[in-house]
C-alpha atoms as a PDB file:
ATOM      1  CA  MET A   1      30.896  49.045 -28.824  1.00  0.00           C
ATOM      2  CA  LEU A   2      33.054  46.172 -29.445  1.00  0.00           C
ATOM      3  CA  LEU A   3      35.909  48.265 -30.171  1.00  0.00           C
ATOM      4  CA  TRP A   4      35.464  50.156 -26.890  1.00  0.00           C
ATOM      5  CA  CYS A   5      35.751  46.798 -25.069  1.00  0.00           C
ATOM      6  CA  LYS A   6      38.893  45.985 -26.611  1.00  0.00           C
ATOM      7  CA  LEU A   7      40.499  49.531 -25.830  1.00  0.00           C
ATOM      8  CA  SER A   8      39.482  49.275 -22.351  1.00  0.00           C
ATOM      9  CA  GLY A   9      42.148  46.743 -21.445  1.00  0.00           C
ATOM     10  CA  PRO A  10      42.594  42.791 -21.077  1.00  0.00           C
ATOM     11  CA  ARG A  11      41.374  42.695 -17.389  1.00  0.00           C
ATOM     12  CA  ARG A  12      38.149  44.889 -17.665  1.00  0.00           C
ATOM     13  CA  LEU A  13      35.031  43.169 -19.202  1.00  0.00           C
ATOM     14  CA  CYS A  14      32.366  44.999 -20.912  1.00  0.00           C
ATOM     15  CA  LYS A  15      29.010  44.658 -19.991  1.00  0.00           C
ATOM     16  CA  HIS A  16      27.761  42.750 -22.749  1.00  0.00           C
ATOM     17  CA  GLN A  17      30.595  40.219 -22.520  1.00  0.00           C
ATOM     18  CA  SER A  18      29.724  39.687 -18.694  1.00  0.00           C
ATOM     19  CA  VAL A  19      26.120  39.259 -19.630  1.00  0.00           C
ATOM     20  CA  TRP A  20      26.962  36.560 -22.245  1.00  0.00           C
ATOM     21  CA  ARG A  21      29.302  34.782 -19.758  1.00  0.00           C
ATOM     22  CA  MET A  22      26.555  34.790 -17.161  1.00  0.00           C
ATOM     23  CA  ARG A  23      23.775  33.438 -19.565  1.00  0.00           C
ATOM     24  CA  ARG A  24      26.457  30.685 -20.385  1.00  0.00           C
ATOM     25  CA  PHE A  25      26.852  29.878 -16.943  1.00  0.00           C
ATOM     26  CA  LYS A  26      23.286  29.709 -16.236  1.00  0.00           C
ATOM     27  CA  PHE A  27      22.663  27.568 -19.361  1.00  0.00           C
ATOM     28  CA  THR A  28      25.245  25.119 -18.241  1.00  0.00           C
ATOM     29  CA  LEU A  29      23.993  24.982 -14.652  1.00  0.00           C
ATOM     30  CA  LEU A  30      20.456  24.174 -16.019  1.00  0.00           C
ATOM     31  CA  ALA A  31      21.800  21.511 -18.417  1.00  0.00           C
ATOM     32  CA  VAL A  32      23.663  19.717 -15.450  1.00  0.00           C
ATOM     33  CA  VAL A  33      20.658  19.841 -13.240  1.00  0.00           C
ATOM     34  CA  ALA A  34      18.369  18.447 -16.063  1.00  0.00           C
ATOM     35  CA  ALA A  35      20.846  15.751 -16.610  1.00  0.00           C
ATOM     36  CA  LEU A  36      21.038  14.845 -12.906  1.00  0.00           C
ATOM     37  CA  VAL A  37      17.038  14.828 -12.750  1.00  0.00           C
ATOM     38  CA  ALA A  38      16.945  12.527 -15.886  1.00  0.00           C
ATOM     39  CA  ALA A  39      19.318  10.245 -14.402  1.00  0.00           C
ATOM     40  CA  LEU A  40      17.436   9.881 -11.349  1.00  0.00           C
ATOM     41  CA  LEU A  41      14.240   9.529 -12.975  1.00  0.00           C
ATOM     42  CA  TRP A  42      15.545   6.740 -15.178  1.00  0.00           C
ATOM     43  CA  ASN A  43      17.214   4.983 -12.238  1.00  0.00           C
ATOM     44  CA  TYR A  44      13.936   5.115 -10.318  1.00  0.00           C
ATOM     45  CA  PHE A  45      11.583   3.924 -12.956  1.00  0.00           C
ATOM     46  CA  SER A  46      13.918   1.341 -14.806  1.00  0.00           C
ATOM     47  CA  GLY A  47      13.765  -1.601 -12.529  1.00  0.00           C
ATOM     48  CA  PRO A  48      13.807  -5.228 -13.312  1.00  0.00           C
ATOM     49  CA  SER A  49      12.012  -6.337 -16.446  1.00  0.00           C
ATOM     50  CA  SER A  50       8.567  -7.952 -16.571  1.00  0.00           C
ATOM     51  CA  SER A  51      10.145 -11.337 -17.421  1.00  0.00           C
ATOM     52  CA  ASP A  52      12.510 -11.091 -14.565  1.00  0.00           C
ATOM     53  CA  CYS A  53       9.695 -10.098 -12.257  1.00  0.00           C
ATOM     54  CA  ALA A  54       7.349 -13.066 -13.357  1.00  0.00           C
ATOM     55  CA  PRO A  55       8.816 -15.571 -10.930  1.00  0.00           C
ATOM     56  CA  VAL A  56       8.856 -13.196  -7.972  1.00  0.00           C
ATOM     57  CA  ARG A  57       5.381 -12.266  -8.745  1.00  0.00           C
ATOM     58  CA  GLU A  58       4.554 -16.037  -8.582  1.00  0.00           C
ATOM     59  CA  LEU A  59       6.545 -16.305  -5.450  1.00  0.00           C
ATOM     60  CA  LEU A  60       4.488 -13.310  -3.903  1.00  0.00           C
ATOM     61  CA  GLU A  61       1.185 -14.678  -5.040  1.00  0.00           C
ATOM     62  CA  PHE A  62       2.012 -17.952  -3.562  1.00  0.00           C
ATOM     63  CA  ASN A  63       2.955 -16.487  -0.340  1.00  0.00           C
ATOM     64  CA  LYS A  64      -0.223 -14.755  -0.084  1.00  0.00           C
ATOM     65  CA  THR A  65      -2.592 -17.654  -0.906  1.00  0.00           C
ATOM     66  CA  GLN A  66      -0.662 -19.843   1.681  1.00  0.00           C
ATOM     67  CA  VAL A  67      -0.814 -17.304   4.252  1.00  0.00           C
ATOM     68  CA  ASP A  68      -4.550 -16.765   3.632  1.00  0.00           C
ATOM     69  CA  ALA A  69      -5.227 -20.457   3.916  1.00  0.00           C
ATOM     70  CA  MET A  70      -3.140 -20.756   7.057  1.00  0.00           C
ATOM     71  CA  ASN A  71      -5.122 -17.911   8.566  1.00  0.00           C
ATOM     72  CA  ALA A  72      -8.297 -19.650   7.637  1.00  0.00           C
ATOM     73  CA  LYS A  73      -7.341 -22.479   9.707  1.00  0.00           C
ATOM     74  CA  THR A  74      -6.655 -20.300  12.680  1.00  0.00           C
ATOM     75  CA  HIS A  75      -9.459 -19.724  15.234  1.00  0.00           C
ATOM     76  CA  GLU A  76      -8.984 -18.135  18.820  1.00  0.00           C
ATOM     77  CA  PRO A  77     -12.259 -18.828  20.700  1.00  0.00           C
ATOM     78  CA  GLU A  78     -13.561 -15.707  22.781  1.00  0.00           C
ATOM     79  CA  LYS A  79     -12.967 -15.923  26.579  1.00  0.00           C
ATOM     80  CA  GLY A  80     -15.531 -17.816  28.264  1.00  0.00           C
ATOM     81  CA  SER A  81     -16.786 -19.995  25.136  1.00  0.00           C
ATOM     82  CA  TYR A  82     -16.314 -23.557  24.770  1.00  0.00           C
ATOM     83  CA  GLY A  83     -14.784 -23.473  21.399  1.00  0.00           C
ATOM     84  CA  GLU A  84     -11.460 -24.784  20.830  1.00  0.00           C
ATOM     85  CA  ALA A  85      -8.343 -23.049  19.349  1.00  0.00           C
ATOM     86  CA  THR A  86      -7.044 -24.320  15.950  1.00  0.00           C
ATOM     87  CA  GLU A  87      -4.095 -23.211  14.079  1.00  0.00           C
ATOM     88  CA  PRO A  88      -2.221 -24.641  11.053  1.00  0.00           C
ATOM     89  CA  SER A  89      -0.373 -27.898  11.368  1.00  0.00           C
ATOM     90  CA  ASP A  90       3.357 -28.370  11.382  1.00  0.00           C
ATOM     91  CA  LEU A  91       2.918 -29.859   7.896  1.00  0.00           C
ATOM     92  CA  ASP A  92       1.167 -26.771   6.646  1.00  0.00           C
ATOM     93  CA  TYR A  93       4.121 -24.513   7.800  1.00  0.00           C
ATOM     94  CA  ARG A  94       6.466 -27.060   6.024  1.00  0.00           C
ATOM     95  CA  ASN A  95       4.447 -26.846   2.895  1.00  0.00           C
ATOM     96  CA  TRP A  96       4.459 -23.106   2.724  1.00  0.00           C
ATOM     97  CA  GLY A  97       8.377 -22.942   3.421  1.00  0.00           C
ATOM     98  CA  ASP A  98       9.128 -25.752   0.790  1.00  0.00           C
ATOM     99  CA  GLY A  99       6.885 -23.926  -1.813  1.00  0.00           C
ATOM    100  CA  LEU A 100       8.684 -20.729  -1.277  1.00  0.00           C
ATOM    101  CA  ALA A 101      11.983 -22.440  -1.499  1.00  0.00           C
ATOM    102  CA  ASP A 102      10.862 -23.901  -4.809  1.00  0.00           C
ATOM    103  CA  ARG A 103       9.640 -20.526  -6.320  1.00  0.00           C
ATOM    104  CA  ALA A 104      12.767 -18.879  -5.010  1.00  0.00           C
ATOM    105  CA  ARG A 105      15.058 -21.128  -7.162  1.00  0.00           C
ATOM    106  CA  LYS A 106      13.052 -19.943 -10.117  1.00  0.00           C
ATOM    107  CA  VAL A 107      14.094 -16.361  -9.712  1.00  0.00           C
ATOM    108  CA  THR A 108      17.086 -15.934 -11.879  1.00  0.00           C
ATOM    109  CA  ALA A 109      17.754 -12.138 -12.113  1.00  0.00           C
ATOM    110  CA  PRO A 110      20.960 -11.275 -10.529  1.00  0.00           C
ATOM    111  CA  GLU A 111      19.355  -8.117  -8.670  1.00  0.00           C
ATOM    112  CA  LEU A 112      16.326 -10.302  -7.764  1.00  0.00           C
ATOM    113  CA  ALA A 113      17.822 -13.722  -7.210  1.00  0.00           C
ATOM    114  CA  ASP A 114      19.816 -13.021  -3.879  1.00  0.00           C
ATOM    115  CA  ARG A 115      16.907 -11.468  -2.355  1.00  0.00           C
ATOM    116  CA  ALA A 116      14.452 -14.352  -3.086  1.00  0.00           C
ATOM    117  CA  LYS A 117      17.111 -16.713  -1.715  1.00  0.00           C
ATOM    118  CA  GLU A 118      17.503 -14.662   1.607  1.00  0.00           C
ATOM    119  CA  LEU A 119      13.688 -14.617   1.629  1.00  0.00           C
ATOM    120  CA  SER A 120      13.605 -18.498   1.316  1.00  0.00           C
ATOM    121  CA  GLU A 121      16.087 -18.958   4.062  1.00  0.00           C
ATOM    122  CA  THR A 122      14.334 -16.799   6.322  1.00  0.00           C
ATOM    123  CA  ALA A 123      11.115 -18.552   5.842  1.00  0.00           C
ATOM    124  CA  ASP A 124      12.913 -21.932   6.519  1.00  0.00           C
ATOM    125  CA  ARG A 125      14.220 -20.621   9.778  1.00  0.00           C
ATOM    126  CA  LEU A 126      10.850 -19.156  10.472  1.00  0.00           C
ATOM    127  CA  VAL A 127       9.109 -22.693   9.720  1.00  0.00           C
ATOM    128  CA  ARG A 128      11.585 -24.390  12.057  1.00  0.00           C
ATOM    129  CA  ALA A 129      11.348 -21.917  14.734  1.00  0.00           C
ATOM    130  CA  ARG A 130       7.378 -22.013  14.596  1.00  0.00           C
ATOM    131  CA  ILE A 131       7.420 -26.067  14.807  1.00  0.00           C
ATOM    132  CA  GLU A 132       9.783 -25.872  17.699  1.00  0.00           C
ATOM    133  CA  LEU A 133       7.293 -23.129  19.260  1.00  0.00           C
ATOM    134  CA  ASN A 134       4.653 -25.475  18.741  1.00  0.00           C
ATOM    135  CA  ALA A 135       6.283 -28.374  20.503  1.00  0.00           C
ATOM    136  CA  GLN A 136       7.327 -26.244  23.472  1.00  0.00           C
ATOM    137  CA  THR A 137       3.929 -24.826  23.687  1.00  0.00           C
ATOM    138  CA  LYS A 138       2.342 -28.205  24.295  1.00  0.00           C
ATOM    139  CA  ALA A 139       4.427 -28.866  27.297  1.00  0.00           C
ATOM    140  CA  ILE A 140       3.856 -25.514  29.065  1.00  0.00           C
ATOM    141  CA  ALA A 141       0.978 -25.258  31.589  1.00  0.00           C
ATOM    142  CA  PRO A 142      -1.963 -23.073  30.842  1.00  0.00           C
ATOM    143  CA  GLY A 143      -1.193 -19.352  31.785  1.00  0.00           C
ATOM    144  CA  ALA A 144       2.446 -19.857  31.962  1.00  0.00           C
ATOM    145  CA  PRO A 145       4.590 -17.249  29.870  1.00  0.00           C
ATOM    146  CA  PRO A 146       5.578 -18.418  26.325  1.00  0.00           C
ATOM    147  CA  PRO A 147       8.812 -20.211  25.764  1.00  0.00           C
ATOM    148  CA  PRO A 148      11.809 -18.116  24.778  1.00  0.00           C
ATOM    149  CA  VAL A 149      11.473 -19.448  21.140  1.00  0.00           C
ATOM    150  CA  ALA A 150       8.302 -17.239  20.848  1.00  0.00           C
ATOM    151  CA  MET A 151      10.474 -14.056  20.557  1.00  0.00           C
ATOM    152  CA  ALA A 152      12.672 -15.664  17.917  1.00  0.00           C
ATOM    153  CA  VAL A 153       9.542 -16.518  15.884  1.00  0.00           C
ATOM    154  CA  THR A 154       8.426 -12.811  16.143  1.00  0.00           C
ATOM    155  CA  ALA A 155      11.908 -11.488  14.954  1.00  0.00           C
ATOM    156  CA  LEU A 156      11.879 -13.845  12.272  1.00  0.00           C
ATOM    157  CA  TYR A 157       8.410 -13.003  11.069  1.00  0.00           C
ATOM    158  CA  ASP A 158       9.345  -9.253  11.037  1.00  0.00           C
ATOM    159  CA  GLN A 159      12.403 -10.051   9.151  1.00  0.00           C
ATOM    160  CA  PHE A 160      10.416 -12.101   6.810  1.00  0.00           C
ATOM    161  CA  GLN A 161       7.818  -9.399   6.226  1.00  0.00           C
ATOM    162  CA  ALA A 162      10.648  -6.754   5.445  1.00  0.00           C
ATOM    163  CA  GLU A 163      12.125  -9.077   2.844  1.00  0.00           C
ATOM    164  CA  ILE A 164       8.726  -9.571   1.215  1.00  0.00           C
ATOM    165  CA  GLY A 165       8.220  -5.884   1.046  1.00  0.00           C
ATOM    166  CA  GLN A 166      11.612  -5.238  -0.583  1.00  0.00           C
ATOM    167  CA  LEU A 167      10.721  -7.891  -3.161  1.00  0.00           C
ATOM    168  CA  SER A 168       7.349  -6.205  -3.699  1.00  0.00           C
ATOM    169  CA  GLN A 169       9.091  -2.936  -4.159  1.00  0.00           C
ATOM    170  CA  SER A 170      11.573  -4.417  -6.686  1.00  0.00           C
ATOM    171  CA  CYS A 171       8.710  -5.731  -8.946  1.00  0.00           C
ATOM    172  CA  ARG A 172       5.800  -3.406  -8.617  1.00  0.00           C
ATOM    173  CA  ALA A 173       2.851  -4.880 -10.372  1.00  0.00           C
END
């Protein structure tokens, strides 16, 4: 059969040669797809090392405990009751922001340090805006709309939550 394929001319392919070329093509295509899948899986599962994530986990844990403590100080009385509304003090907010900044400085892994620094800066802006909101709220008559800085606090809080989520994703427990 091989002799027949050679005698049939240079442009014509024999059946067994075209089948072999098709099998080689399929094998090559399969190998390329497998290599791409392996590269994607490696990229997805290989994040920062555990030692790089330790300071990030400490930062996240500090944030959680401080937020829980501040939430415990927050009390909104029901309408019609004589209870007083309570909320964390300005000092509580400052301590939270300073604690985040201290822990963010401990993050040294290049891919995490920038995110931790951004988180710390956002928290600092959030604390300053919250303290300003507290000061302005005291001067507003009951039932009046909130001061404009309230929208800034909300936007900074949303940004802070997004940055916390990114750091949490980077260093999954």
